[in-house]
N, C-alpha and C. Protein backbone atom coordinates (compact mmCIF):
# COMPACT_ATOMS: atom_id res chain seq x y z
N UNK A 1 24.90 -12.75 -24.30
CA UNK A 1 23.73 -13.31 -23.96
C UNK A 1 23.13 -13.67 -25.31
N UNK A 2 22.39 -15.24 -25.20
CA UNK A 2 21.43 -15.52 -25.75
C UNK A 2 20.80 -14.46 -26.31
N UNK A 3 20.07 -15.33 -27.36
CA UNK A 3 18.89 -14.68 -28.08
C UNK A 3 17.27 -14.64 -27.49
N UNK A 4 17.03 -14.01 -27.33
CA UNK A 4 15.98 -13.99 -26.00
C UNK A 4 16.26 -14.48 -24.70
N UNK A 5 17.56 -14.22 -24.33
CA UNK A 5 17.35 -14.72 -23.02
C UNK A 5 18.11 -13.25 -22.57
N UNK A 6 17.51 -13.15 -21.18
CA UNK A 6 18.41 -11.40 -20.72
C UNK A 6 18.80 -11.29 -18.83
N UNK A 7 19.54 -10.88 -18.91
CA UNK A 7 20.00 -10.95 -17.19
C UNK A 7 19.51 -9.21 -16.76
N UNK A 8 20.33 -9.28 -15.79
CA UNK A 8 19.06 -7.93 -14.34
C UNK A 8 20.60 -6.99 -14.65
N UNK A 9 21.11 -6.98 -16.01
CA UNK A 9 21.81 -5.69 -16.56
C UNK A 9 20.62 -4.72 -17.34
N UNK A 10 19.81 -5.85 -17.57
CA UNK A 10 18.69 -4.70 -18.50
C UNK A 10 17.12 -4.45 -17.78
N UNK A 11 18.06 -4.52 -16.83
CA UNK A 11 16.36 -3.91 -15.13
C UNK A 11 16.55 -2.70 -14.83
N UNK A 12 15.86 -2.04 -15.53
CA UNK A 12 15.36 -0.61 -15.19
C UNK A 12 14.11 -0.71 -13.72
N UNK A 13 13.78 -0.31 -12.48
CA UNK A 13 13.45 -0.46 -11.58
C UNK A 13 13.09 1.15 -10.74
N UNK A 14 12.07 1.68 -11.38
CA UNK A 14 11.66 2.88 -10.72
C UNK A 14 10.44 2.63 -9.24
N UNK A 15 9.57 4.18 -9.08
CA UNK A 15 8.97 4.20 -7.95
C UNK A 15 8.79 5.66 -7.74
N UNK A 16 7.76 5.87 -7.11
CA UNK A 16 7.51 7.85 -6.59
C UNK A 16 7.86 7.88 -5.73
N UNK A 17 8.53 8.43 -5.86
CA UNK A 17 8.89 8.70 -4.42
C UNK A 17 8.88 9.47 -2.67
N UNK A 18 7.15 9.89 -3.19
CA UNK A 18 6.19 9.19 -2.51
C UNK A 18 4.99 9.49 -2.92
N UNK A 19 3.61 9.02 -2.13
CA UNK A 19 2.74 9.32 -3.00
C UNK A 19 1.84 9.70 -3.91
N UNK A 20 1.63 9.69 -4.83
CA UNK A 20 1.29 11.26 -5.60
C UNK A 20 2.69 11.72 -6.48
N UNK A 21 3.85 11.28 -6.12
CA UNK A 21 5.96 11.54 -6.13
C UNK A 21 5.71 12.33 -7.51
N UNK A 22 7.36 11.91 -7.92
CA UNK A 22 8.05 11.87 -8.67
C UNK A 22 8.40 10.86 -8.82
N UNK A 23 8.11 10.14 -9.73
CA UNK A 23 8.71 8.61 -10.16
C UNK A 23 10.60 8.81 -10.59
N UNK A 24 11.42 8.16 -9.27
CA UNK A 24 13.19 8.10 -9.61
C UNK A 24 12.88 6.66 -9.84
N UNK A 25 14.00 6.61 -10.40
CA UNK A 25 15.13 5.42 -11.07
C UNK A 25 16.05 5.48 -9.73
N UNK A 26 15.18 3.95 -8.91
CA UNK A 26 16.12 3.63 -7.96
C UNK A 26 17.02 2.10 -8.59
N UNK A 27 17.75 2.16 -9.10
CA UNK A 27 17.50 0.73 -10.26
C UNK A 27 19.46 0.09 -9.34
N UNK A 28 20.21 1.76 -9.50
CA UNK A 28 21.36 1.21 -8.54
C UNK A 28 21.32 0.93 -7.07
N UNK A 29 20.30 1.45 -6.28
CA UNK A 29 20.32 0.37 -5.12
C UNK A 29 19.27 -0.75 -4.61
N UNK A 30 18.49 -1.90 -5.70
CA UNK A 30 18.44 -2.34 -5.93
C UNK A 30 19.23 -3.79 -5.91
N UNK A 31 19.16 -4.72 -5.08
CA UNK A 31 20.03 -6.22 -5.17
C UNK A 31 19.23 -7.07 -5.27
N UNK A 32 17.61 -6.89 -4.68
CA UNK A 32 16.92 -7.71 -4.85
C UNK A 32 16.07 -8.25 -4.83
N UNK A 33 15.18 -8.54 -5.17
CA UNK A 33 13.65 -7.69 -5.56
C UNK A 33 12.42 -9.52 -6.11
N UNK A 34 11.61 -9.31 -5.32
CA UNK A 34 10.46 -10.99 -5.53
C UNK A 34 10.28 -10.02 -6.86
N UNK A 35 9.82 -11.79 -7.21
CA UNK A 35 8.37 -11.61 -8.25
C UNK A 35 7.85 -10.61 -8.60
N UNK A 36 7.49 -10.45 -10.10
CA UNK A 36 6.57 -9.62 -10.01
C UNK A 36 5.58 -11.33 -10.71
N UNK A 37 4.83 -11.36 -9.82
CA UNK A 37 3.56 -12.38 -10.15
C UNK A 37 2.51 -11.68 -9.76
N UNK A 38 1.44 -12.46 -10.75
CA UNK A 38 0.32 -11.90 -11.16
C UNK A 38 -0.64 -13.58 -11.42
N UNK A 39 -1.59 -13.36 -9.95
CA UNK A 39 -2.13 -14.73 -10.44
C UNK A 39 -3.61 -14.25 -10.33
N UNK A 40 -4.41 -15.76 -10.59
CA UNK A 40 -5.91 -16.11 -10.41
C UNK A 40 -6.25 -16.65 -9.56
N UNK A 41 -7.62 -15.87 -8.46
CA UNK A 41 -8.30 -16.10 -7.84
C UNK A 41 -9.09 -17.99 -8.56
N UNK A 42 -9.17 -18.30 -6.77
CA UNK A 42 -10.09 -19.55 -7.39
C UNK A 42 -10.65 -19.68 -6.25
N UNK A 43 -12.00 -20.41 -6.22
CA UNK A 43 -12.59 -20.86 -5.88
C UNK A 43 -12.69 -22.30 -5.15
N UNK A 44 -12.53 -23.72 -4.00
CA UNK A 44 -12.55 -24.20 -4.38
C UNK A 44 -13.75 -25.63 -4.18
N UNK A 45 -14.29 -26.27 -5.01
CA UNK A 45 -15.79 -26.96 -5.35
C UNK A 45 -15.82 -28.25 -4.68
N UNK A 46 -14.75 -28.76 -4.75
CA UNK A 46 -15.21 -30.38 -3.96
C UNK A 46 -15.97 -30.42 -3.09
N UNK A 47 -17.07 -31.41 -3.91
CA UNK A 47 -18.09 -31.92 -3.59
C UNK A 47 -17.65 -32.72 -2.16
N UNK A 48 -18.84 -33.11 -1.35
CA UNK A 48 -18.62 -34.46 -0.72
C UNK A 48 -18.64 -35.76 -1.73
N UNK A 49 -17.66 -36.77 -1.68
CA UNK A 49 -17.49 -37.66 -2.56
C UNK A 49 -16.73 -37.55 -3.10
N UNK A 50 -16.52 -36.59 -4.06
CA UNK A 50 -15.00 -36.05 -4.42
C UNK A 50 -13.25 -36.56 -3.97
N UNK A 51 -12.88 -37.15 -4.08
CA UNK A 51 -11.31 -37.83 -4.13
C UNK A 51 -10.04 -37.33 -4.44
N UNK A 52 -10.80 -35.48 -5.50
CA UNK A 52 -9.38 -35.13 -5.88
C UNK A 52 -10.34 -33.27 -5.18
N UNK A 53 -9.38 -32.55 -5.54
CA UNK A 53 -10.03 -31.24 -4.90
C UNK A 53 -10.17 -30.17 -6.33
N UNK A 54 -11.21 -29.90 -6.37
CA UNK A 54 -11.84 -29.10 -7.31
C UNK A 54 -11.50 -27.75 -7.44
N UNK A 55 -11.30 -26.98 -7.97
CA UNK A 55 -11.11 -24.98 -8.52
C UNK A 55 -12.05 -24.95 -9.32
N UNK A 56 -12.64 -23.55 -8.72
CA UNK A 56 -13.20 -22.83 -10.42
C UNK A 56 -12.46 -21.14 -9.98
N UNK A 57 -12.73 -20.47 -11.16
CA UNK A 57 -12.01 -19.02 -11.38
C UNK A 57 -13.17 -18.48 -10.65
N UNK A 58 -12.30 -17.73 -9.95
CA UNK A 58 -13.79 -16.60 -9.99
C UNK A 58 -14.08 -14.80 -10.72
N UNK A 59 -12.88 -14.96 -11.56
CA UNK A 59 -12.66 -13.74 -12.36
C UNK A 59 -11.90 -12.83 -11.79
N UNK A 60 -11.50 -12.96 -11.27
CA UNK A 60 -10.21 -11.82 -9.93
C UNK A 60 -8.94 -12.34 -10.51
N UNK A 61 -8.49 -11.08 -10.51
CA UNK A 61 -6.48 -11.58 -10.88
C UNK A 61 -6.01 -10.85 -9.78
N UNK A 62 -5.25 -10.92 -9.36
CA UNK A 62 -3.89 -9.69 -8.08
C UNK A 62 -2.89 -10.24 -8.51
N UNK A 63 -2.00 -8.96 -8.39
CA UNK A 63 -1.14 -9.20 -8.57
C UNK A 63 -0.08 -9.01 -6.41
N UNK A 64 1.37 -9.84 -6.84
CA UNK A 64 1.62 -10.48 -5.58
C UNK A 64 1.96 -9.42 -4.59
N UNK A 65 2.46 -8.71 -3.31
CA UNK A 65 3.15 -8.02 -2.27
C UNK A 65 4.30 -8.65 -3.03
N UNK A 66 5.29 -7.28 -3.61
CA UNK A 66 6.26 -7.57 -3.78
C UNK A 66 7.87 -6.63 -2.73
N UNK A 67 9.10 -7.31 -2.78
CA UNK A 67 9.75 -7.02 -1.95
C UNK A 67 11.02 -7.28 -2.48
N UNK A 68 11.43 -6.21 -2.25
CA UNK A 68 12.48 -5.22 -2.63
C UNK A 68 13.69 -4.49 -1.03
N UNK A 69 15.00 -4.58 -2.11
CA UNK A 69 15.64 -4.36 -1.03
C UNK A 69 17.15 -4.40 -2.04
N UNK A 70 18.30 -4.09 -0.80
CA UNK A 70 19.48 -3.09 -1.23
C UNK A 70 20.14 -2.60 -0.16
N UNK A 71 21.82 -2.56 -0.87
CA UNK A 71 22.15 -1.41 0.42
C UNK A 71 21.28 0.01 0.53
N UNK A 72 21.57 -0.01 2.28
CA UNK A 72 20.63 1.30 2.47
C UNK A 72 22.31 2.11 1.81
N UNK A 73 21.21 3.27 1.68
CA UNK A 73 21.67 4.44 0.59
C UNK A 73 20.66 5.51 1.67
N UNK A 74 21.58 6.89 1.93
CA UNK A 74 20.60 8.60 2.70
C UNK A 74 20.59 9.07 1.31
N UNK A 75 21.55 8.60 -0.58
CA UNK A 75 21.77 9.89 -1.26
C UNK A 75 20.69 10.89 -1.84
N UNK A 76 20.39 11.28 -1.33
CA UNK A 76 19.24 12.76 -1.50
C UNK A 76 18.67 12.52 -2.95
N UNK A 77 17.23 11.99 -2.56
CA UNK A 77 16.49 12.67 -4.38
C UNK A 77 16.01 11.28 -4.37
N UNK A 78 17.48 10.24 -4.96
CA UNK A 78 17.04 8.72 -4.71
C UNK A 78 17.98 7.33 -4.64
N UNK A 79 18.44 8.19 -3.79
CA UNK A 79 18.38 6.79 -2.34
C UNK A 79 17.08 6.01 -1.72
N UNK A 80 17.64 5.12 -1.96
CA UNK A 80 16.41 3.77 -1.25
C UNK A 80 15.61 4.82 0.32
N UNK A 81 16.89 4.73 1.39
CA UNK A 81 16.12 5.49 2.74
C UNK A 81 15.59 7.45 1.88
N UNK A 82 15.46 8.00 1.09
CA UNK A 82 15.08 8.83 1.07
C UNK A 82 13.88 8.70 -0.14
N UNK A 83 13.73 7.61 -0.66
CA UNK A 83 12.49 7.50 -1.89
C UNK A 83 11.80 6.39 -1.69
N UNK A 84 12.22 5.98 0.14
CA UNK A 84 10.40 5.00 0.49
C UNK A 84 10.27 5.56 1.73
N UNK A 85 11.20 6.35 2.78
CA UNK A 85 10.70 6.88 4.19
C UNK A 85 11.19 7.84 4.40
N UNK A 86 11.84 8.91 3.36
CA UNK A 86 12.34 9.80 4.38
C UNK A 86 11.19 10.89 5.35
N UNK A 87 12.01 11.98 5.73
CA UNK A 87 10.99 12.28 7.40
C UNK A 87 9.97 12.88 6.75
N UNK A 88 8.72 13.34 5.43
CA UNK A 88 7.73 13.82 5.08
C UNK A 88 6.91 12.37 4.34
N UNK A 89 7.50 11.10 4.05
CA UNK A 89 7.16 9.92 3.30
C UNK A 89 6.54 8.78 4.44
N UNK A 90 5.68 8.37 5.05
CA UNK A 90 4.91 7.55 5.98
C UNK A 90 4.01 6.55 4.97
N UNK A 91 4.47 5.22 5.69
CA UNK A 91 3.97 3.49 5.91
C UNK A 91 3.09 4.12 5.20
N UNK A 92 2.64 3.17 4.80
CA UNK A 92 0.93 3.39 4.66
C UNK A 92 0.00 3.17 5.25
N UNK A 93 -0.81 3.49 6.29
CA UNK A 93 -1.73 3.15 7.19
C UNK A 93 -2.87 2.63 7.39
N UNK A 94 -3.37 3.54 5.84
CA UNK A 94 -5.58 3.50 5.69
C UNK A 94 -5.75 5.00 5.54
N UNK A 95 -4.66 5.92 6.50
CA UNK A 95 -5.53 7.24 6.16
C UNK A 95 -5.18 7.90 4.69
N UNK A 96 -5.59 7.84 4.24
CA UNK A 96 -4.84 8.07 2.70
C UNK A 96 -4.70 6.85 1.73
N UNK A 97 -5.42 7.38 0.72
CA UNK A 97 -5.28 6.01 -0.17
C UNK A 97 -4.41 6.51 -1.62
N UNK A 98 -4.32 7.29 -1.31
CA UNK A 98 -2.53 7.46 -2.44
C UNK A 98 -1.33 7.09 -2.74
N UNK A 99 -1.37 5.75 -3.95
CA UNK A 99 -1.09 5.10 -4.05
C UNK A 99 0.36 5.38 -4.62
N UNK A 100 1.16 4.56 -5.20
CA UNK A 100 2.40 5.19 -5.48
C UNK A 100 2.86 4.32 -6.94
N UNK A 101 3.26 4.84 -7.74
CA UNK A 101 3.91 3.83 -9.22
C UNK A 101 5.46 3.41 -9.06
N UNK A 102 4.67 1.56 -9.86
CA UNK A 102 5.82 1.15 -9.70
C UNK A 102 6.20 0.28 -10.76
N UNK A 103 7.44 0.88 -11.67
CA UNK A 103 7.68 0.54 -13.01
C UNK A 103 9.17 -0.71 -12.86
N UNK A 104 8.59 -1.47 -13.72
CA UNK A 104 10.15 -2.38 -13.74
C UNK A 104 10.27 -2.34 -15.39
N UNK A 105 10.98 -2.07 -16.22
CA UNK A 105 11.72 -2.60 -17.71
C UNK A 105 12.74 -3.56 -17.33
N UNK A 106 12.07 -4.37 -18.22
CA UNK A 106 13.32 -5.99 -18.21
C UNK A 106 13.53 -5.64 -20.04
N UNK A 107 14.27 -6.63 -20.07
CA UNK A 107 15.06 -6.45 -21.25
C UNK A 107 15.23 -5.73 -22.34
N UNK A 108 15.40 -5.88 -24.02
CA UNK A 108 16.16 -4.66 -24.30
C UNK A 108 15.82 -4.69 -25.33
N UNK A 109 14.26 -5.18 -24.93
CA UNK A 109 13.10 -4.69 -26.56
C UNK A 109 12.08 -3.83 -26.04
N UNK A 110 11.97 -3.22 -25.05
CA UNK A 110 11.74 -3.50 -23.59
C UNK A 110 10.00 -3.96 -23.38
N UNK A 111 9.85 -5.27 -21.97
CA UNK A 111 9.03 -4.60 -21.58
C UNK A 111 9.18 -4.15 -20.71
N UNK A 112 7.58 -3.76 -20.16
CA UNK A 112 7.07 -2.89 -18.83
C UNK A 112 6.47 -3.46 -17.84
N UNK A 113 6.22 -4.12 -16.49
CA UNK A 113 5.01 -3.89 -15.93
C UNK A 113 5.05 -2.70 -15.40
N UNK A 114 3.73 -2.56 -15.07
CA UNK A 114 3.35 -0.58 -14.02
C UNK A 114 1.90 -0.99 -13.58
N UNK A 115 2.10 -1.67 -12.23
CA UNK A 115 1.72 -1.57 -10.93
C UNK A 115 1.42 -0.36 -10.15
N UNK A 116 0.42 0.79 -9.14
CA UNK A 116 0.33 1.22 -8.20
C UNK A 116 0.38 0.20 -6.83
N UNK A 117 1.16 0.43 -5.95
CA UNK A 117 1.25 -0.35 -4.96
C UNK A 117 1.07 1.14 -3.91
N UNK A 118 1.28 0.20 -2.16
CA UNK A 118 1.36 0.85 -0.97
C UNK A 118 3.04 0.59 0.06
N UNK A 119 3.60 1.47 0.43
CA UNK A 119 4.19 0.61 0.94
C UNK A 119 4.06 0.47 2.20
N UNK A 120 4.59 -1.08 2.88
CA UNK A 120 3.29 -0.94 3.56
C UNK A 120 4.60 -1.93 4.95
N UNK A 121 6.01 -1.66 4.24
CA UNK A 121 6.67 -2.27 5.14
C UNK A 121 8.52 -1.81 5.28
N UNK A 122 8.75 -1.37 5.64
CA UNK A 122 10.37 -1.22 5.49
C UNK A 122 11.64 -1.15 6.68
N UNK A 123 12.34 -1.53 6.48
CA UNK A 123 13.34 -2.26 7.38
C UNK A 123 14.93 -1.64 6.42
N UNK A 124 15.24 -0.59 7.72
CA UNK A 124 16.90 -0.77 7.87
C UNK A 124 17.82 -1.99 8.29
N UNK A 125 17.97 -2.77 7.81
CA UNK A 125 19.55 -3.96 8.19
C UNK A 125 20.55 -3.92 8.91
N UNK A 126 21.03 -3.95 9.90
CA UNK A 126 22.25 -3.61 10.75
C UNK A 126 23.13 -4.92 10.42
N UNK A 127 24.01 -4.89 9.27
CA UNK A 127 25.14 -5.95 9.32
C UNK A 127 26.50 -5.13 9.80
N UNK A 128 26.87 -6.37 10.79
CA UNK A 128 28.37 -6.24 11.36
C UNK A 128 29.24 -6.76 11.01
N UNK A 129 30.14 -5.62 10.88
CA UNK A 129 31.59 -6.20 9.26
C UNK A 129 31.32 -5.20 7.97
N UNK A 130 29.46 -5.50 7.95
CA UNK A 130 29.56 -5.23 6.38
C UNK A 130 28.83 -3.87 6.24
N UNK A 131 28.27 -4.04 5.12
CA UNK A 131 27.37 -2.90 4.55
C UNK A 131 25.73 -3.26 4.33
N UNK A 132 25.68 -1.71 5.90
CA UNK A 132 23.73 -1.95 6.35
C UNK A 132 22.82 -2.29 4.59
N UNK A 133 21.53 -2.63 5.00
CA UNK A 133 20.83 -3.37 4.06
C UNK A 133 19.52 -2.47 3.92
N UNK A 134 18.36 -2.19 3.48
CA UNK A 134 16.91 -2.13 3.17
C UNK A 134 16.60 -2.78 2.84
N UNK A 135 14.94 -3.40 3.15
CA UNK A 135 14.20 -3.87 2.71
C UNK A 135 12.84 -3.48 3.10
N UNK A 136 12.38 -3.53 1.56
CA UNK A 136 11.20 -2.78 1.90
C UNK A 136 9.78 -3.60 1.15
N UNK A 137 8.59 -3.76 1.59
CA UNK A 137 7.30 -4.51 0.55
C UNK A 137 6.96 -3.48 -0.04
N UNK A 138 5.79 -3.77 -1.39
CA UNK A 138 5.26 -2.59 -1.82
C UNK A 138 3.32 -3.84 -1.56
N UNK A 139 2.40 -3.35 -1.98
CA UNK A 139 1.46 -3.89 -1.49
C UNK A 139 0.20 -3.76 -2.94
N UNK A 140 0.62 -4.53 -3.74
CA UNK A 140 -0.27 -3.68 -4.61
C UNK A 140 -1.57 -3.44 -5.27
N UNK A 141 -2.18 -2.58 -5.63
CA UNK A 141 -3.48 -2.32 -5.62
C UNK A 141 -3.77 -1.92 -6.32
N UNK A 142 -5.07 -2.74 -6.91
CA UNK A 142 -5.47 -3.12 -8.95
C UNK A 142 -4.28 -3.72 -9.67
N UNK A 143 -4.32 -3.48 -10.96
CA UNK A 143 -3.75 -4.53 -11.76
C UNK A 143 -2.69 -3.99 -12.54
N UNK A 144 -1.83 -5.18 -12.33
CA UNK A 144 -0.65 -5.02 -13.34
C UNK A 144 -0.67 -5.25 -14.46
N UNK A 145 0.12 -4.41 -15.35
CA UNK A 145 0.21 -4.98 -16.93
C UNK A 145 1.88 -4.72 -17.20
N UNK A 146 1.63 -5.77 -18.38
CA UNK A 146 3.17 -5.94 -19.29
C UNK A 146 2.68 -5.31 -20.37
N UNK A 147 3.85 -4.43 -20.50
CA UNK A 147 3.46 -3.43 -22.30
C UNK A 147 4.44 -4.16 -23.25
């Protein structure tokens, strides 16, 4: 690959196997992951008579929700079904404030993104004549950082 350019083979994706649990590498079970996106909040400050929308920063940033998916696998300790929703792990429902660590390492330099997340959505998708898949939504809580 060209210098400075990197592909999916250089990614490592890890998440705690339960709130406050053990960080597990789930890279072999991930085929799709949404963009790792940090946004800055703004407020519309357009006044009467203005002909263009104006925005002003609020000083608040956030990491956008992360969608992750791949082939359904219930391999003990590291398969996505076990890591995301095993019998003792439930979706975040507001009864606990415990988050999970989510870590993505990109490239060979490496560049590491770390954020605490809440699992808010998990789905097993049946595919007639094909392999079953899973989808999960991770809601970042707090700051995300590249290092």
